[in-house]
C-alpha cells in the first residue's frame, strides 16, 4: 500500500469497455511526511477522491482484487482517503 497525493484527472472517451464509468485519477507517491517521491501514475478511484487529497493506493493483483474483478485491466486503485497521518518525526530519513 502506498501514500499518494491526487494531482489530476484522466478523461478518456475511447477506452476498454470494462473501464466504462470508472473514475481515473493521476496520483504521485509521497513519503509519510508528505514529500513527493516517484513519478506520477494513473489509479482507478474506488472512493471518490479529489485533486489535492492524500490517498491510499494499492497496485498489481491487489488493485484488481479491490474491484473483485481479476480480469479488469487496472494495476493501481485508490482504496482510501487519508484523514490524518501520525509519525515519529525523530525517524524522518532513517531506514
Protein backbone atom coordinates (compact mmCIF):
# COMPACT_ATOMS: atom_id res chain seq x y z
CA UNK A 1 0.00 0.00 0.00
CA UNK A 2 1.29 3.47 -0.88
CA UNK A 3 0.59 7.01 0.31
CA UNK A 4 -0.08 9.28 -2.66
CA UNK A 5 -1.33 12.76 -3.50
CA UNK A 6 -4.06 13.10 -6.12
CA UNK A 7 -2.74 15.61 -8.65
CA UNK A 8 -5.17 15.30 -11.56
CA UNK A 9 -7.93 13.55 -13.51
CA UNK A 10 -7.83 11.46 -16.67
CA UNK A 11 -10.61 11.62 -19.24
CA UNK A 12 -10.71 9.01 -21.98
CA UNK A 13 -13.71 8.85 -24.27
CA UNK A 14 -12.33 5.77 -26.04
CA UNK A 15 -11.21 3.03 -23.66
CA UNK A 16 -11.54 -0.66 -22.84
CA UNK A 17 -15.23 -1.38 -22.29
CA UNK A 18 -14.66 -2.76 -18.76
CA UNK A 19 -13.31 0.68 -17.73
CA UNK A 20 -16.57 2.46 -18.63
CA UNK A 21 -17.87 4.52 -15.73
CA UNK A 22 -14.61 4.21 -13.82
CA UNK A 23 -13.04 7.40 -12.44
CA UNK A 24 -9.33 7.59 -13.27
CA UNK A 25 -7.02 9.87 -11.27
CA UNK A 26 -3.38 10.93 -11.61
CA UNK A 27 -1.51 10.30 -8.35
CA UNK A 28 2.05 10.82 -7.12
CA UNK A 29 3.59 8.69 -4.40
CA UNK A 30 4.82 10.50 -1.28
CA UNK A 31 6.54 9.51 1.92
CA UNK A 32 4.80 9.60 5.32
CA UNK A 33 5.93 13.22 5.76
CA UNK A 34 4.29 14.38 2.52
CA UNK A 35 7.49 14.69 0.48
CA UNK A 36 6.88 13.75 -3.18
CA UNK A 37 8.98 10.93 -4.45
CA UNK A 38 8.43 8.93 -7.58
CA UNK A 39 6.84 9.71 -10.92
CA UNK A 40 3.10 10.14 -11.27
CA UNK A 41 0.80 7.34 -12.45
CA UNK A 42 -2.90 6.65 -13.05
CA UNK A 43 -5.07 4.87 -10.47
CA UNK A 44 -8.72 3.86 -10.66
CA UNK A 45 -10.69 5.59 -7.90
CA UNK A 46 -12.97 3.45 -5.71
CA UNK A 47 -13.70 6.04 -3.01
CA UNK A 48 -14.46 9.38 -4.67
CA UNK A 49 -11.12 11.09 -4.08
CA UNK A 50 -10.45 14.59 -5.39
CA UNK A 51 -7.47 16.62 -6.50
CA UNK A 52 -5.30 17.66 -3.56
CA UNK A 53 -6.28 14.78 -1.29
CA UNK A 54 -3.85 12.26 0.21
CA UNK A 55 -4.94 8.72 -0.55
CA UNK A 56 -4.05 5.07 -0.04
CA UNK A 57 -3.24 3.25 -3.25
CA UNK A 58 -2.78 -0.48 -3.90
CA UNK A 59 -1.26 -1.93 -7.05
CA UNK A 60 -0.96 -5.12 -9.06
CA UNK A 61 -3.29 -8.01 -8.36
CA UNK A 62 -4.40 -6.30 -5.13
CA UNK A 63 -5.87 -3.45 -7.20
CA UNK A 64 -7.90 -5.88 -9.31
CA UNK A 65 -9.00 -7.76 -6.19
CA UNK A 66 -10.25 -4.47 -4.71
CA UNK A 67 -12.75 -4.35 -7.58
CA UNK A 68 -13.48 -8.10 -7.22
CA UNK A 69 -12.68 -8.48 -10.94
CA UNK A 70 -9.44 -10.32 -11.70
CA UNK A 71 -9.70 -9.59 -15.44
CA UNK A 72 -10.07 -5.80 -15.06
CA UNK A 73 -7.20 -4.01 -16.87
CA UNK A 74 -6.19 -1.96 -13.80
CA UNK A 75 -2.86 -2.07 -11.97
CA UNK A 76 -3.46 0.67 -9.36
CA UNK A 77 -6.54 1.55 -7.29
CA UNK A 78 -7.31 4.29 -4.77
CA UNK A 79 -8.83 2.45 -1.81
CA UNK A 80 -8.88 5.12 0.90
CA UNK A 81 -8.77 8.86 1.58
CA UNK A 82 -6.35 9.74 4.38
CA UNK A 83 -7.69 11.97 7.15
CA UNK A 84 -4.50 12.15 9.18
CA UNK A 85 -1.05 10.57 9.42
CA UNK A 86 0.86 10.46 12.68
CA UNK A 87 4.57 9.60 12.52
CA UNK A 88 7.53 9.95 14.85
CA UNK A 89 9.46 12.87 13.32
CA UNK A 90 12.59 11.56 15.05
CA UNK A 91 12.62 8.74 12.50
CA UNK A 92 12.47 11.06 9.49
CA UNK A 93 15.03 9.97 6.94
CA UNK A 94 16.06 6.83 8.86
CA UNK A 95 15.73 3.39 7.31
